[in-house]
């Protein structure tokens, strides 16, 4: 019974978080990065990729970086990712 009560409390906690107009970022290890909500690629090199998103700039640094897939609002970067930074 305690488990069910804890789960309900957790759901309430998450539902009360404010909505944020930010990109959805999914990092798989340090080899693949999915960005949903991109507004365009500003810089593209094998060691740095800069992406414009809603209200911030995302800089991905690493080695052998590659834009594997790109669409109107999402992209996938693969390679050896060493850092992510956000500029507001």
C-alpha atoms as a PDB file:
ATOM      1  CA  UNK A   1       0.000   0.000   0.000  1.00  0.00           C
ATOM      2  CA  UNK A   2       2.815   2.441   0.767  1.00  0.00           C
ATOM      3  CA  UNK A   3       4.237   2.033  -2.745  1.00  0.00           C
ATOM      4  CA  UNK A   4       0.983   3.118  -4.371  1.00  0.00           C
ATOM      5  CA  UNK A   5       0.758   6.182  -2.132  1.00  0.00           C
ATOM      6  CA  UNK A   6       4.362   7.200  -2.939  1.00  0.00           C
ATOM      7  CA  UNK A   7       3.737   6.876  -6.681  1.00  0.00           C
ATOM      8  CA  UNK A   8       0.688   9.150  -6.482  1.00  0.00           C
ATOM      9  CA  UNK A   9       2.686  11.761  -4.587  1.00  0.00           C
ATOM     10  CA  UNK A  10       5.411  11.610  -7.233  1.00  0.00           C
ATOM     11  CA  UNK A  11       2.891  12.151 -10.013  1.00  0.00           C
ATOM     12  CA  UNK A  12       1.478  15.179  -8.241  1.00  0.00           C
ATOM     13  CA  UNK A  13       4.975  16.552  -7.806  1.00  0.00           C
ATOM     14  CA  UNK A  14       5.762  16.315 -11.528  1.00  0.00           C
ATOM     15  CA  UNK A  15       2.418  17.691 -12.625  1.00  0.00           C
ATOM     16  CA  UNK A  16       2.941  20.788 -10.502  1.00  0.00           C
ATOM     17  CA  UNK A  17       6.192  21.761 -12.235  1.00  0.00           C
ATOM     18  CA  UNK A  18       5.894  24.909 -14.372  1.00  0.00           C
ATOM     19  CA  UNK A  19       5.983  24.447 -18.119  1.00  0.00           C
ATOM     20  CA  UNK A  20       9.172  25.753 -19.696  1.00  0.00           C
ATOM     21  CA  UNK A  21       9.570  26.810 -23.300  1.00  0.00           C
ATOM     22  CA  UNK A  22      12.870  24.993 -23.794  1.00  0.00           C
ATOM     23  CA  UNK A  23      14.196  22.413 -26.218  1.00  0.00           C
ATOM     24  CA  UNK A  24      13.929  18.724 -25.417  1.00  0.00           C
ATOM     25  CA  UNK A  25      17.437  17.261 -25.271  1.00  0.00           C
ATOM     26  CA  UNK A  26      18.220  13.560 -25.057  1.00  0.00           C
ATOM     27  CA  UNK A  27      21.821  12.452 -24.596  1.00  0.00           C
ATOM     28  CA  UNK A  28      22.725   8.794 -25.156  1.00  0.00           C
ATOM     29  CA  UNK A  29      26.007   8.296 -23.358  1.00  0.00           C
ATOM     30  CA  UNK A  30      28.505  10.685 -24.876  1.00  0.00           C
ATOM     31  CA  UNK A  31      28.007   9.451 -28.445  1.00  0.00           C
ATOM     32  CA  UNK A  32      24.594  10.745 -29.587  1.00  0.00           C
ATOM     33  CA  UNK A  33      22.509  13.840 -28.898  1.00  0.00           C
ATOM     34  CA  UNK A  34      18.914  14.426 -30.001  1.00  0.00           C
ATOM     35  CA  UNK A  35      17.653  18.014 -29.921  1.00  0.00           C
ATOM     36  CA  UNK A  36      13.947  18.672 -30.491  1.00  0.00           C
ATOM     37  CA  UNK A  37      12.950  22.306 -30.817  1.00  0.00           C
ATOM     38  CA  UNK A  38      15.938  23.552 -32.792  1.00  0.00           C
ATOM     39  CA  UNK A  39      15.583  26.692 -34.876  1.00  0.00           C
ATOM     40  CA  UNK A  40      18.694  26.211 -36.984  1.00  0.00           C
ATOM     41  CA  UNK A  41      22.382  25.379 -36.980  1.00  0.00           C
ATOM     42  CA  UNK A  42      24.607  28.444 -36.535  1.00  0.00           C
ATOM     43  CA  UNK A  43      28.033  26.776 -36.681  1.00  0.00           C
ATOM     44  CA  UNK A  44      29.057  23.362 -37.935  1.00  0.00           C
ATOM     45  CA  UNK A  45      32.548  21.902 -37.612  1.00  0.00           C
ATOM     46  CA  UNK A  46      33.909  18.506 -36.592  1.00  0.00           C
ATOM     47  CA  UNK A  47      34.777  19.824 -33.107  1.00  0.00           C
ATOM     48  CA  UNK A  48      31.945  22.350 -32.455  1.00  0.00           C
ATOM     49  CA  UNK A  49      28.277  22.571 -33.414  1.00  0.00           C
ATOM     50  CA  UNK A  50      26.174  25.543 -32.295  1.00  0.00           C
ATOM     51  CA  UNK A  51      22.381  25.244 -32.443  1.00  0.00           C
ATOM     52  CA  UNK A  52      19.809  28.004 -32.012  1.00  0.00           C
ATOM     53  CA  UNK A  53      16.880  26.935 -29.831  1.00  0.00           C
ATOM     54  CA  UNK A  54      13.971  28.714 -28.158  1.00  0.00           C
ATOM     55  CA  UNK A  55      15.574  31.423 -26.045  1.00  0.00           C
ATOM     56  CA  UNK A  56      19.045  29.905 -25.815  1.00  0.00           C
ATOM     57  CA  UNK A  57      22.077  28.857 -27.774  1.00  0.00           C
ATOM     58  CA  UNK A  58      23.351  25.288 -27.375  1.00  0.00           C
ATOM     59  CA  UNK A  59      27.038  24.614 -28.049  1.00  0.00           C
ATOM     60  CA  UNK A  60      28.169  21.011 -28.463  1.00  0.00           C
ATOM     61  CA  UNK A  61      31.911  20.350 -28.329  1.00  0.00           C
ATOM     62  CA  UNK A  62      33.737  17.111 -29.058  1.00  0.00           C
ATOM     63  CA  UNK A  63      35.596  15.140 -31.691  1.00  0.00           C
ATOM     64  CA  UNK A  64      34.372  13.842 -35.053  1.00  0.00           C
ATOM     65  CA  UNK A  65      30.955  15.495 -34.555  1.00  0.00           C
ATOM     66  CA  UNK A  66      28.466  14.898 -37.328  1.00  0.00           C
ATOM     67  CA  UNK A  67      24.902  16.054 -38.057  1.00  0.00           C
ATOM     68  CA  UNK A  68      23.432  12.644 -38.743  1.00  0.00           C
ATOM     69  CA  UNK A  69      19.838  13.750 -39.219  1.00  0.00           C
ATOM     70  CA  UNK A  70      18.247  17.187 -39.483  1.00  0.00           C
ATOM     71  CA  UNK A  71      14.634  18.319 -39.935  1.00  0.00           C
ATOM     72  CA  UNK A  72      12.671  21.553 -39.467  1.00  0.00           C
ATOM     73  CA  UNK A  73      12.654  21.320 -35.671  1.00  0.00           C
ATOM     74  CA  UNK A  74      14.926  18.435 -34.656  1.00  0.00           C
ATOM     75  CA  UNK A  75      18.425  17.149 -35.243  1.00  0.00           C
ATOM     76  CA  UNK A  76      20.724  14.341 -34.200  1.00  0.00           C
ATOM     77  CA  UNK A  77      24.409  14.888 -33.524  1.00  0.00           C
ATOM     78  CA  UNK A  78      26.762  11.950 -33.181  1.00  0.00           C
ATOM     79  CA  UNK A  79      30.462  11.638 -32.458  1.00  0.00           C
ATOM     80  CA  UNK A  80      32.489  11.861 -29.248  1.00  0.00           C
ATOM     81  CA  UNK A  81      30.717  14.569 -27.208  1.00  0.00           C
ATOM     82  CA  UNK A  82      32.892  16.168 -24.529  1.00  0.00           C
ATOM     83  CA  UNK A  83      30.724  19.107 -23.410  1.00  0.00           C
ATOM     84  CA  UNK A  84      27.392  20.886 -23.767  1.00  0.00           C
ATOM     85  CA  UNK A  85      26.924  24.537 -22.885  1.00  0.00           C
ATOM     86  CA  UNK A  86      23.900  26.787 -22.860  1.00  0.00           C
ATOM     87  CA  UNK A  87      23.977  30.530 -23.504  1.00  0.00           C
ATOM     88  CA  UNK A  88      20.854  32.454 -22.583  1.00  0.00           C
END
